Amino acid sequence: MCVLAVGVATAAFKATGPVLLGRRQLPVWLAWPVALLAPAVLAALVVTQAVGADRAIVADARLAGLGAGAAAVALRAPLLVVVAVAAATAALVRLI
């Protein structure tokens, strides 16, 4: 639910630019940081969900899955493979 809410908020935030600016372009000094906002928010959500639990940092199967998924991304695997590798790694760590 949180990811959906942030996704909607991000889309709304991105839509306000064209609505407020009309056909004008953003200044170059402002366009660069705005382009980095969505990936930064997504990364913060992923890390929070991977290691956060009850106001404490927890290293469990989720973190192992995140690491395996990151390795698959670094190897330029397709998205479906990345998700499968992360899920399988988390499942195997939970099994152990």
C-alpha atoms as a PDB file:
ATOM      1  CA  MET A   1       0.000   0.000   0.000  1.00  0.00           C
ATOM      2  CA  CYS A   2       2.846   2.343   0.853  1.00  0.00           C
ATOM      3  CA  VAL A   3       4.515   1.761  -2.519  1.00  0.00           C
ATOM      4  CA  LEU A   4       1.246   2.480  -4.307  1.00  0.00           C
ATOM      5  CA  ALA A   5       0.766   5.709  -2.356  1.00  0.00           C
ATOM      6  CA  VAL A   6       4.295   6.860  -3.120  1.00  0.00           C
ATOM      7  CA  GLY A   7       3.819   5.932  -6.779  1.00  0.00           C
ATOM      8  CA  VAL A   8       0.675   8.040  -6.974  1.00  0.00           C
ATOM      9  CA  ALA A   9       2.385  10.901  -5.156  1.00  0.00           C
ATOM     10  CA  THR A  10       5.341  10.709  -7.538  1.00  0.00           C
ATOM     11  CA  ALA A  11       3.047  10.780 -10.569  1.00  0.00           C
ATOM     12  CA  ALA A  12       1.158  13.734  -9.114  1.00  0.00           C
ATOM     13  CA  PHE A  13       4.410  15.528  -8.370  1.00  0.00           C
ATOM     14  CA  LYS A  14       5.637  14.932 -11.919  1.00  0.00           C
ATOM     15  CA  ALA A  15       2.309  16.133 -13.334  1.00  0.00           C
ATOM     16  CA  THR A  16       2.412  19.434 -11.463  1.00  0.00           C
ATOM     17  CA  GLY A  17       5.417  20.598 -13.475  1.00  0.00           C
ATOM     18  CA  PRO A  18       3.706  20.635 -16.872  1.00  0.00           C
ATOM     19  CA  VAL A  19       0.512  21.992 -15.330  1.00  0.00           C
ATOM     20  CA  LEU A  20       2.278  24.894 -13.621  1.00  0.00           C
ATOM     21  CA  LEU A  21       4.865  25.610 -16.316  1.00  0.00           C
ATOM     22  CA  GLY A  22       2.682  25.108 -19.372  1.00  0.00           C
ATOM     23  CA  ARG A  23       4.898  24.828 -22.443  1.00  0.00           C
ATOM     24  CA  ARG A  24       7.967  26.361 -20.785  1.00  0.00           C
ATOM     25  CA  GLN A  25      10.953  24.143 -19.987  1.00  0.00           C
ATOM     26  CA  LEU A  26      12.413  23.765 -16.520  1.00  0.00           C
ATOM     27  CA  PRO A  27      15.728  25.529 -16.049  1.00  0.00           C
ATOM     28  CA  VAL A  28      18.678  23.151 -16.512  1.00  0.00           C
ATOM     29  CA  TRP A  29      19.845  23.656 -12.923  1.00  0.00           C
ATOM     30  CA  LEU A  30      16.425  22.464 -11.689  1.00  0.00           C
ATOM     31  CA  ALA A  31      15.701  19.709 -14.229  1.00  0.00           C
ATOM     32  CA  TRP A  32      18.633  17.557 -13.124  1.00  0.00           C
ATOM     33  CA  PRO A  33      17.665  17.218  -9.424  1.00  0.00           C
ATOM     34  CA  VAL A  34      13.988  16.725 -10.317  1.00  0.00           C
ATOM     35  CA  ALA A  35      14.937  13.798 -12.559  1.00  0.00           C
ATOM     36  CA  LEU A  36      16.731  12.165  -9.617  1.00  0.00           C
ATOM     37  CA  LEU A  37      13.829  12.396  -7.159  1.00  0.00           C
ATOM     38  CA  ALA A  38      11.852   9.316  -8.262  1.00  0.00           C
ATOM     39  CA  PRO A  39      14.825   6.901  -8.214  1.00  0.00           C
ATOM     40  CA  ALA A  40      15.941   8.268  -4.837  1.00  0.00           C
ATOM     41  CA  VAL A  41      12.497   7.810  -3.304  1.00  0.00           C
ATOM     42  CA  LEU A  42      12.228   4.296  -4.753  1.00  0.00           C
ATOM     43  CA  ALA A  43      15.663   3.373  -3.388  1.00  0.00           C
ATOM     44  CA  ALA A  44      14.702   4.691   0.050  1.00  0.00           C
ATOM     45  CA  LEU A  45      11.527   2.611   0.017  1.00  0.00           C
ATOM     46  CA  VAL A  46      13.388  -0.540  -1.019  1.00  0.00           C
ATOM     47  CA  VAL A  47      15.991  -0.149   1.717  1.00  0.00           C
ATOM     48  CA  THR A  48      13.353   0.663   4.327  1.00  0.00           C
ATOM     49  CA  GLN A  49      11.327  -2.397   3.417  1.00  0.00           C
ATOM     50  CA  ALA A  50      14.408  -4.645   3.209  1.00  0.00           C
ATOM     51  CA  VAL A  51      16.010  -3.888   6.562  1.00  0.00           C
ATOM     52  CA  GLY A  52      13.367  -2.167   8.661  1.00  0.00           C
ATOM     53  CA  ALA A  53      11.153  -3.846  11.211  1.00  0.00           C
ATOM     54  CA  ASP A  54       9.548  -2.385  14.330  1.00  0.00           C
ATOM     55  CA  ARG A  55      11.908   0.613  14.556  1.00  0.00           C
ATOM     56  CA  ALA A  56      14.983  -1.590  14.313  1.00  0.00           C
ATOM     57  CA  ILE A  57      17.395  -2.630  11.602  1.00  0.00           C
ATOM     58  CA  VAL A  58      16.989  -6.323  10.834  1.00  0.00           C
ATOM     59  CA  ALA A  59      19.281  -8.429   8.656  1.00  0.00           C
ATOM     60  CA  ASP A  60      17.233 -11.395   7.511  1.00  0.00           C
ATOM     61  CA  ALA A  61      16.230 -13.198   4.308  1.00  0.00           C
ATOM     62  CA  ARG A  62      14.925  -9.990   2.747  1.00  0.00           C
ATOM     63  CA  LEU A  63      18.395  -8.480   2.826  1.00  0.00           C
ATOM     64  CA  ALA A  64      19.892 -11.580   1.194  1.00  0.00           C
ATOM     65  CA  GLY A  65      17.242 -11.409  -1.522  1.00  0.00           C
ATOM     66  CA  LEU A  66      17.963  -7.727  -2.065  1.00  0.00           C
ATOM     67  CA  GLY A  67      21.665  -8.465  -2.410  1.00  0.00           C
ATOM     68  CA  ALA A  68      21.047 -11.268  -4.889  1.00  0.00           C
ATOM     69  CA  GLY A  69      18.708  -9.044  -6.877  1.00  0.00           C
ATOM     70  CA  ALA A  70      21.282  -6.253  -6.904  1.00  0.00           C
ATOM     71  CA  ALA A  71      23.896  -8.696  -8.176  1.00  0.00           C
ATOM     72  CA  ALA A  72      21.531  -9.793 -10.946  1.00  0.00           C
ATOM     73  CA  VAL A  73      20.944  -6.150 -11.903  1.00  0.00           C
ATOM     74  CA  ALA A  74      24.707  -5.560 -11.956  1.00  0.00           C
ATOM     75  CA  LEU A  75      24.995  -8.499 -14.356  1.00  0.00           C
ATOM     76  CA  ARG A  76      22.308  -6.844 -16.518  1.00  0.00           C
ATOM     77  CA  ALA A  77      19.790  -9.653 -16.124  1.00  0.00           C
ATOM     78  CA  PRO A  78      16.220  -9.087 -17.362  1.00  0.00           C
ATOM     79  CA  LEU A  79      13.745  -7.807 -14.775  1.00  0.00           C
ATOM     80  CA  LEU A  80      11.902 -11.125 -14.506  1.00  0.00           C
ATOM     81  CA  VAL A  81      15.194 -12.917 -13.809  1.00  0.00           C
ATOM     82  CA  VAL A  82      16.123 -10.309 -11.177  1.00  0.00           C
ATOM     83  CA  VAL A  83      12.821 -10.826  -9.361  1.00  0.00           C
ATOM     84  CA  ALA A  84      13.106 -14.624  -9.591  1.00  0.00           C
ATOM     85  CA  VAL A  85      16.690 -14.616  -8.271  1.00  0.00           C
ATOM     86  CA  ALA A  86      15.779 -12.321  -5.380  1.00  0.00           C
ATOM     87  CA  ALA A  87      12.712 -14.360  -4.450  1.00  0.00           C
ATOM     88  CA  ALA A  88      14.541 -17.673  -4.698  1.00  0.00           C
ATOM     89  CA  THR A  89      17.428 -16.393  -2.588  1.00  0.00           C
ATOM     90  CA  ALA A  90      15.102 -15.085   0.116  1.00  0.00           C
ATOM     91  CA  ALA A  91      13.188 -18.365   0.112  1.00  0.00           C
ATOM     92  CA  LEU A  92      16.368 -20.418   0.407  1.00  0.00           C
ATOM     93  CA  VAL A  93      17.673 -18.298   3.268  1.00  0.00           C
ATOM     94  CA  ARG A  94      14.348 -18.651   5.090  1.00  0.00           C
ATOM     95  CA  LEU A  95      14.492 -22.399   4.546  1.00  0.00           C
ATOM     96  CA  ILE A  96      17.879 -22.665   6.200  1.00  0.00           C
END
